Amino acid sequence: MKIRIGDIYRIHLTKCEWAKQFVVGKVLDMSCGKLLSYTTSKLLLENNANEVWNLDFLDLQQQVALRKLHNNKMTYQLKDKNELNFSKFDTILALNNLSITDDIDETLKFIFDHLNPNGIAIISVINEDDSVDSSHDLITKDLNIFSKTELEQNLKLYFNNITFFSQGIIRQKYGIEKKFRTKLRMKIKENLLKSRNRYNFYLKNLQFFHKILAKTNQNRENKKIQKYKITEFHAENKPMFTIALCKK
């Protein structure tokens, strides 16, 4: 699977930048890997978080990371994962965890059980509502994909107060344009591959300019589709991600 690391970073960091307005006190960051745990912790600790625990869903080790600020410097500790059994948190971030878990209900129960009575859980999933961008490279067959209605039904089993937001406003026209450009590129590539001379000419004289043009077009598209922006949920926008702000 091709993954644009820059996209993952920007998508996740935008969520964290937005979430920091709600984050307070003792925080549990339920991540899918450790790639962004330092950056996320630093961002939250510099705002209203007192300590950030990182539980990596993909790590089978029996340890979790704990980060705090001491004299404006971040400290790092490894804690026994069993300590979570006796811990409650003011804020829990579960960004796309439901998309990879083998047991959705068990994961939601874990979040609910570890949340303080007045705590806040911020949960995001990849949106399935017939999004025209559903073929983007963050989706694979083994992921749990939710419509907003399906997500709401699951969350209401545990939370009474839920507010929904969207990340990534996708234009209907954009999806049609993207498919057309993809087909056109494939036709051009097939034509070039039929001739060794034409392909060598492309590699020598045109590939560099093609990469520049592709990057320029991608930057232009990102601005048009507001790929990283978070807004109140409106189904007609066909968002890439649904984000739920949950309270008991």
Protein backbone atom coordinates (compact mmCIF):
# COMPACT_ATOMS: atom_id res chain seq x y z
CA MET A 1 0.00 0.00 0.00
CA LYS A 2 1.34 3.39 -0.96
CA ILE A 3 1.22 5.82 1.96
CA ARG A 4 1.95 9.53 1.75
CA ILE A 5 3.72 10.12 5.07
CA GLY A 6 3.32 13.88 4.72
CA ASP A 7 -0.42 13.48 4.41
CA ILE A 8 -0.66 11.27 7.49
CA TYR A 9 1.35 13.82 9.46
CA ARG A 10 -0.75 16.79 8.34
CA ILE A 11 -4.08 14.99 8.79
CA HIS A 12 -3.19 13.81 12.30
CA LEU A 13 -1.54 17.04 13.40
CA THR A 14 -4.54 19.05 12.23
CA LYS A 15 -6.77 16.86 14.42
CA CYS A 16 -4.48 17.46 17.41
CA GLU A 17 -4.27 21.21 16.78
CA TRP A 18 -8.06 21.30 16.71
CA ALA A 19 -8.46 18.98 19.73
CA LYS A 20 -6.18 21.01 22.01
CA GLN A 21 -9.03 23.46 22.69
CA PHE A 22 -10.87 20.63 24.49
CA VAL A 23 -7.93 18.76 26.03
CA VAL A 24 -7.31 19.21 29.76
CA GLY A 25 -5.55 17.47 32.66
CA LYS A 26 -4.51 13.85 32.43
CA VAL A 27 -4.61 12.64 28.82
CA LEU A 28 -4.62 9.19 27.25
CA ASP A 29 -3.50 9.24 23.61
CA MET A 30 -4.57 5.96 22.02
CA SER A 31 -2.38 5.90 18.94
CA CYS A 32 -1.84 3.53 16.03
CA GLY A 33 1.95 3.50 16.11
CA LYS A 34 4.53 5.77 17.73
CA LEU A 35 5.35 7.95 14.71
CA LEU A 36 3.56 11.03 16.03
CA SER A 37 3.36 10.34 19.77
CA TYR A 38 6.16 12.80 20.65
CA THR A 39 4.73 15.61 18.50
CA THR A 40 1.22 15.03 19.83
CA SER A 41 2.40 14.97 23.46
CA LYS A 42 4.45 18.15 23.03
CA LEU A 43 1.52 20.00 21.47
CA LEU A 44 -0.92 18.97 24.22
CA LEU A 45 1.51 19.55 27.12
CA GLU A 46 2.22 23.06 25.89
CA ASN A 47 -1.48 23.78 26.21
CA ASN A 48 -3.78 22.42 28.94
CA ALA A 49 -2.55 18.85 29.44
CA ASN A 50 -0.68 17.96 32.66
CA GLU A 51 0.52 14.56 31.49
CA VAL A 52 0.10 12.46 28.36
CA TRP A 53 0.01 8.66 28.37
CA ASN A 54 0.52 7.01 25.00
CA LEU A 55 -1.09 3.61 24.42
CA ASP A 56 0.06 2.22 21.08
CA PHE A 57 -2.56 -0.17 19.70
CA LEU A 58 0.01 -1.78 17.42
CA ASP A 59 2.59 -2.44 20.14
CA LEU A 60 2.44 -5.84 21.87
CA GLN A 61 4.87 -4.74 24.59
CA GLN A 62 3.49 -4.50 28.13
CA GLN A 63 4.51 -0.85 28.52
CA VAL A 64 3.04 2.56 27.85
CA ALA A 65 4.81 5.90 27.51
CA LEU A 66 4.21 8.75 29.95
CA ARG A 67 5.31 12.28 29.11
CA LYS A 68 5.22 15.39 31.32
CA LEU A 69 6.71 18.86 31.30
CA HIS A 70 9.29 19.65 33.99
CA ASN A 71 11.00 23.05 33.96
CA ASN A 72 9.78 23.50 30.36
CA LYS A 73 11.45 20.25 29.32
CA MET A 74 9.61 17.09 28.39
CA THR A 75 10.24 14.04 30.56
CA TYR A 76 9.71 10.49 29.36
CA GLN A 77 8.92 7.33 31.33
CA LEU A 78 7.88 3.81 30.50
CA LYS A 79 5.06 2.53 32.69
CA ASP A 80 3.64 -0.95 33.10
CA LYS A 81 0.54 -1.28 30.93
CA ASN A 82 -1.32 -2.79 33.90
CA GLU A 83 -1.30 0.64 35.55
CA LEU A 84 -4.00 1.62 33.06
CA ASN A 85 -6.35 -0.77 34.86
CA PHE A 86 -6.46 1.65 37.78
CA SER A 87 -6.26 4.92 35.85
CA LYS A 88 -8.90 7.46 34.84
CA PHE A 89 -8.34 10.27 32.37
CA ASP A 90 -9.76 13.76 31.83
CA THR A 91 -9.30 13.48 28.07
CA ILE A 92 -8.95 10.46 25.79
CA LEU A 93 -7.87 10.79 22.16
CA ALA A 94 -8.83 7.82 19.97
CA LEU A 95 -7.97 9.01 16.48
CA ASN A 96 -8.88 6.25 14.01
CA ASN A 97 -8.51 3.45 16.58
CA LEU A 98 -11.97 2.13 15.77
CA SER A 99 -10.82 1.72 12.18
CA ILE A 100 -8.19 -0.89 13.11
CA THR A 101 -9.59 -2.62 16.19
CA ASP A 102 -10.80 -6.22 16.05
CA ASP A 103 -13.53 -5.47 18.61
CA ILE A 104 -15.27 -2.11 18.28
CA ASP A 105 -17.48 -2.54 21.33
CA GLU A 106 -14.56 -3.59 23.55
CA THR A 107 -12.56 -0.54 22.45
CA LEU A 108 -15.45 1.84 23.18
CA LYS A 109 -15.99 0.19 26.57
CA PHE A 110 -12.29 0.67 27.35
CA ILE A 111 -12.57 4.39 26.51
CA PHE A 112 -15.74 4.78 28.58
CA ASP A 113 -14.35 2.91 31.60
CA HIS A 114 -11.14 4.97 31.65
CA LEU A 115 -12.83 8.35 31.30
CA ASN A 116 -13.53 10.54 34.33
CA PRO A 117 -17.22 11.43 34.90
CA ASN A 118 -16.71 14.91 33.43
CA GLY A 119 -14.12 13.79 30.91
CA ILE A 120 -14.08 14.16 27.14
CA ALA A 121 -13.33 11.54 24.50
CA ILE A 122 -12.39 12.61 20.99
CA ILE A 123 -12.92 9.77 18.54
CA SER A 124 -12.35 9.86 14.78
CA VAL A 125 -13.00 7.34 11.99
CA ILE A 126 -12.64 7.24 8.23
CA ASN A 127 -16.01 8.22 6.81
CA GLU A 128 -17.88 5.85 4.49
CA ASP A 129 -20.84 8.00 3.43
CA ASP A 130 -20.30 7.34 -0.30
CA SER A 131 -17.33 9.70 -0.20
CA VAL A 132 -16.07 10.45 -3.68
CA ASP A 133 -12.57 10.20 -2.24
CA SER A 134 -13.15 6.75 -0.77
CA SER A 135 -10.35 5.39 -2.96
CA HIS A 136 -7.68 7.48 -1.24
CA ASP A 137 -4.63 5.53 -0.10
CA LEU A 138 -5.48 5.59 3.61
CA ILE A 139 -8.17 2.95 3.00
CA THR A 140 -7.38 -0.74 2.85
CA LYS A 141 -9.65 -3.78 2.90
CA ASP A 142 -8.82 -4.68 6.50
CA LEU A 143 -10.05 -1.36 7.95
CA ASN A 144 -13.38 -0.78 9.69
CA ILE A 145 -15.11 1.97 7.71
CA PHE A 146 -18.11 3.78 9.25
CA SER A 147 -20.93 5.92 7.99
CA LYS A 148 -21.82 8.77 10.34
CA THR A 149 -25.03 6.92 11.27
CA GLU A 150 -23.16 3.70 12.10
CA LEU A 151 -20.65 5.57 14.23
CA GLU A 152 -23.42 7.39 16.09
CA GLN A 153 -25.23 4.12 16.84
CA ASN A 154 -22.07 2.64 18.34
CA LEU A 155 -21.23 5.73 20.39
CA LYS A 156 -24.76 6.08 21.82
CA LEU A 157 -24.31 2.74 23.58
CA TYR A 158 -21.89 4.54 25.91
CA PHE A 159 -22.15 8.32 25.57
CA ASN A 160 -25.10 10.66 26.10
CA ASN A 161 -23.61 13.86 24.70
CA ILE A 162 -22.07 13.60 21.22
CA THR A 163 -21.13 16.38 18.80
CA PHE A 164 -19.93 15.56 15.29
CA PHE A 165 -17.32 17.28 13.13
CA SER A 166 -15.80 16.63 9.70
CA GLN A 167 -12.26 16.66 8.41
CA GLY A 168 -11.65 17.03 4.70
CA ILE A 169 -14.40 18.62 2.62
CA ILE A 170 -14.52 16.78 -0.70
CA ARG A 171 -16.17 18.36 -3.72
CA GLN A 172 -18.26 16.09 -5.96
CA LYS A 173 -16.68 17.66 -9.04
CA TYR A 174 -13.22 16.96 -7.63
CA GLY A 175 -13.88 13.22 -7.59
CA ILE A 176 -14.89 13.20 -11.26
CA GLU A 177 -11.86 15.31 -12.22
CA LYS A 178 -9.53 13.03 -10.26
CA LYS A 179 -10.81 9.88 -11.95
CA PHE A 180 -10.46 11.49 -15.39
CA ARG A 181 -6.88 12.59 -14.71
CA THR A 182 -5.97 9.13 -13.41
CA LYS A 183 -7.29 7.47 -16.56
CA LEU A 184 -5.46 10.00 -18.73
CA ARG A 185 -2.16 9.37 -16.92
CA MET A 186 -2.58 5.62 -17.35
CA LYS A 187 -3.21 6.02 -21.09
CA ILE A 188 -0.10 8.18 -21.47
CA LYS A 189 1.99 5.73 -19.45
CA GLU A 190 0.76 2.75 -21.50
CA ASN A 191 1.62 4.59 -24.70
CA LEU A 192 5.13 5.43 -23.46
CA LEU A 193 5.84 1.88 -22.38
CA LYS A 194 5.09 0.57 -25.87
CA SER A 195 8.29 2.15 -27.13
CA ARG A 196 11.67 1.98 -25.40
CA ASN A 197 12.85 5.13 -27.21
CA ARG A 198 9.80 7.14 -26.17
CA TYR A 199 10.10 5.94 -22.58
CA ASN A 200 13.80 6.82 -22.42
CA PHE A 201 12.99 10.24 -23.85
CA TYR A 202 10.39 10.72 -21.11
CA LEU A 203 12.84 9.72 -18.36
CA LYS A 204 15.55 11.99 -19.71
CA ASN A 205 13.57 15.09 -20.64
CA LEU A 206 10.09 15.12 -19.13
CA GLN A 207 9.99 13.21 -15.84
CA PHE A 208 11.46 16.07 -13.78
CA PHE A 209 8.87 18.55 -15.09
CA HIS A 210 6.10 16.01 -14.58
CA LYS A 211 7.00 15.70 -10.88
CA ILE A 212 6.98 19.49 -10.45
CA LEU A 213 3.62 19.76 -12.20
CA ALA A 214 2.17 16.90 -10.14
CA LYS A 215 3.28 18.53 -6.87
CA THR A 216 1.84 21.89 -7.95
CA ASN A 217 -1.47 20.27 -8.88
CA GLN A 218 -1.59 18.37 -5.57
CA ASN A 219 -1.04 21.58 -3.58
CA ARG A 220 -3.76 23.30 -5.61
CA GLU A 221 -6.17 20.42 -5.04
CA ASN A 222 -5.46 20.35 -1.30
CA LYS A 223 -6.51 23.99 -1.09
CA LYS A 224 -9.64 23.42 -3.16
CA ILE A 225 -10.88 20.35 -1.31
CA GLN A 226 -9.85 21.67 2.14
CA LYS A 227 -8.37 18.26 2.84
CA TYR A 228 -7.20 18.95 6.37
CA LYS A 229 -9.78 21.47 7.58
CA ILE A 230 -12.11 20.50 10.47
CA THR A 231 -15.66 21.89 10.51
CA GLU A 232 -19.07 21.01 11.91
CA PHE A 233 -20.43 17.86 10.32
CA HIS A 234 -22.52 18.30 7.17
CA ALA A 235 -23.20 15.10 5.25
CA GLU A 236 -23.38 16.87 1.89
CA ASN A 237 -19.68 17.75 2.18
CA LYS A 238 -18.69 14.06 1.91
CA PRO A 239 -15.89 14.29 4.51
CA MET A 240 -12.85 12.02 4.61
CA PHE A 241 -13.05 11.68 8.41
CA THR A 242 -15.83 11.93 10.99
CA ILE A 243 -14.79 13.22 14.41
CA ALA A 244 -16.96 12.80 17.51
CA LEU A 245 -16.63 14.84 20.71
CA CYS A 246 -18.11 12.57 23.40
CA LYS A 247 -19.17 13.07 27.02
CA LYS A 248 -20.77 10.60 29.43
